[in-house]
Amino acid sequence: MSALGTTSPAGETLITAEARKSFSFALWIKDHVGRMLDITDCTIRIIVKKPRYKSEDDTDNLILNSEADLVSPTHGYARFNLQASDLDHKPGEYPYSIVL
């Protein structure tokens, strides 16, 4: 995995994963001064879609909608464990959002 940029509104983050291979990545949730936040009772999801939408109602462009494991929620640590079947798509760039 390689991550470039930041998650600030002015930046982009690029995740590089190999197709048809399992892949894990973690998030540390911090406040503006770097303190780990308690994410107990939170849900964190990654949503990945096809880059070009085929319909206006969004029904045929969803690739992945997966929930993170809260590994150490009191320390702001969560991890996505994506399976090979989740990443069985053509190589390319796919827009995604991580939602808390």
Protein backbone atom coordinates (compact mmCIF):
# COMPACT_ATOMS: atom_id res chain seq x y z
CA MET A 1 0.00 0.00 0.00
CA SER A 2 1.14 3.48 -0.66
CA ALA A 3 -0.60 6.60 0.56
CA LEU A 4 0.07 9.99 -0.97
CA GLY A 5 -1.16 13.36 0.19
CA THR A 6 -3.45 14.01 3.11
CA THR A 7 -7.11 13.66 3.89
CA SER A 8 -7.53 17.41 4.15
CA PRO A 9 -10.02 18.94 1.71
CA ALA A 10 -7.18 20.27 -0.45
CA GLY A 11 -5.41 16.88 -0.73
CA GLU A 12 -5.99 13.42 -2.14
CA THR A 13 -5.11 9.98 -0.85
CA LEU A 14 -4.20 7.22 -3.26
CA ILE A 15 -4.34 3.58 -2.13
CA THR A 16 -2.59 1.08 -4.36
CA ALA A 17 -3.75 -2.52 -4.03
CA GLU A 18 -3.10 -5.60 -6.15
CA ALA A 19 -6.17 -7.02 -7.91
CA ARG A 20 -7.44 -10.37 -6.66
CA LYS A 21 -5.24 -10.32 -3.51
CA SER A 22 -6.37 -9.78 0.07
CA PHE A 23 -5.46 -6.37 1.43
CA SER A 24 -5.57 -4.68 4.85
CA PHE A 25 -5.05 -1.09 5.82
CA ALA A 26 -5.46 0.75 9.10
CA LEU A 27 -6.66 4.15 10.21
CA TRP A 28 -5.60 6.10 13.26
CA ILE A 29 -8.28 8.66 14.08
CA LYS A 30 -6.76 11.76 15.73
CA ASP A 31 -7.90 15.24 16.66
CA HIS A 32 -6.30 18.42 15.31
CA VAL A 33 -3.43 18.29 17.83
CA GLY A 34 -2.64 14.61 17.30
CA ARG A 35 -4.46 13.01 20.25
CA MET A 36 -6.05 9.63 19.51
CA LEU A 37 -9.86 9.84 19.58
CA ASP A 38 -12.15 7.28 21.15
CA ILE A 39 -14.15 5.74 18.29
CA THR A 40 -16.11 3.29 20.45
CA ASP A 41 -19.66 2.93 19.08
CA CYS A 42 -18.61 4.43 15.72
CA THR A 43 -19.01 2.82 12.32
CA ILE A 44 -16.36 3.40 9.66
CA ARG A 45 -17.06 2.33 6.09
CA ILE A 46 -15.17 2.38 2.81
CA ILE A 47 -17.33 2.81 -0.28
CA VAL A 48 -15.76 2.24 -3.70
CA LYS A 49 -17.53 2.93 -6.99
CA LYS A 50 -16.86 2.65 -10.68
CA PRO A 51 -15.31 5.83 -12.06
CA ARG A 52 -18.00 6.40 -14.69
CA TYR A 53 -21.58 6.03 -13.59
CA LYS A 54 -23.89 4.16 -15.93
CA SER A 55 -27.12 5.27 -14.32
CA GLU A 56 -28.40 8.28 -12.45
CA ASP A 57 -29.87 6.22 -9.61
CA ASP A 58 -26.48 4.78 -8.54
CA THR A 59 -27.63 1.13 -8.71
CA ASP A 60 -24.98 -0.36 -10.99
CA ASN A 61 -21.77 1.42 -10.00
CA LEU A 62 -21.12 0.16 -6.45
CA ILE A 63 -18.00 -2.02 -6.19
CA LEU A 64 -17.38 -2.26 -2.46
CA ASN A 65 -19.12 -1.22 0.75
CA SER A 66 -17.16 -2.61 3.70
CA GLU A 67 -17.12 -1.87 7.44
CA ALA A 68 -13.85 -1.45 9.35
CA ASP A 69 -12.97 -3.55 12.39
CA LEU A 70 -12.50 -1.35 15.45
CA VAL A 71 -9.29 -3.01 16.62
CA SER A 72 -8.54 -0.60 19.47
CA PRO A 73 -11.43 1.86 19.54
CA THR A 74 -10.36 3.72 22.69
CA HIS A 75 -7.07 4.52 20.92
CA GLY A 76 -8.69 5.53 17.60
CA TYR A 77 -7.42 2.47 15.71
CA ALA A 78 -9.53 0.77 13.01
CA ARG A 79 -8.61 -1.63 10.19
CA PHE A 80 -10.16 -2.64 6.90
CA ASN A 81 -9.61 -6.27 5.92
CA LEU A 82 -10.51 -6.60 2.25
CA GLN A 83 -10.70 -10.07 0.75
CA ALA A 84 -9.41 -11.10 -2.68
CA SER A 85 -13.01 -11.29 -3.94
CA ASP A 86 -13.52 -7.64 -2.91
CA LEU A 87 -10.62 -6.61 -5.17
CA ASP A 88 -11.47 -8.76 -8.19
CA HIS A 89 -11.79 -5.86 -10.63
CA LYS A 90 -9.92 -4.55 -13.66
CA PRO A 91 -6.77 -2.55 -12.84
CA GLY A 92 -7.47 1.15 -12.71
CA GLU A 93 -8.37 4.02 -10.46
CA TYR A 94 -11.65 3.84 -8.54
CA PRO A 95 -13.08 6.73 -6.51
CA TYR A 96 -13.71 5.91 -2.87
CA SER A 97 -14.85 7.52 0.36
CA ILE A 98 -14.17 6.55 3.93
CA VAL A 99 -17.09 7.56 6.09
CA LEU A 100 -17.19 7.79 9.90
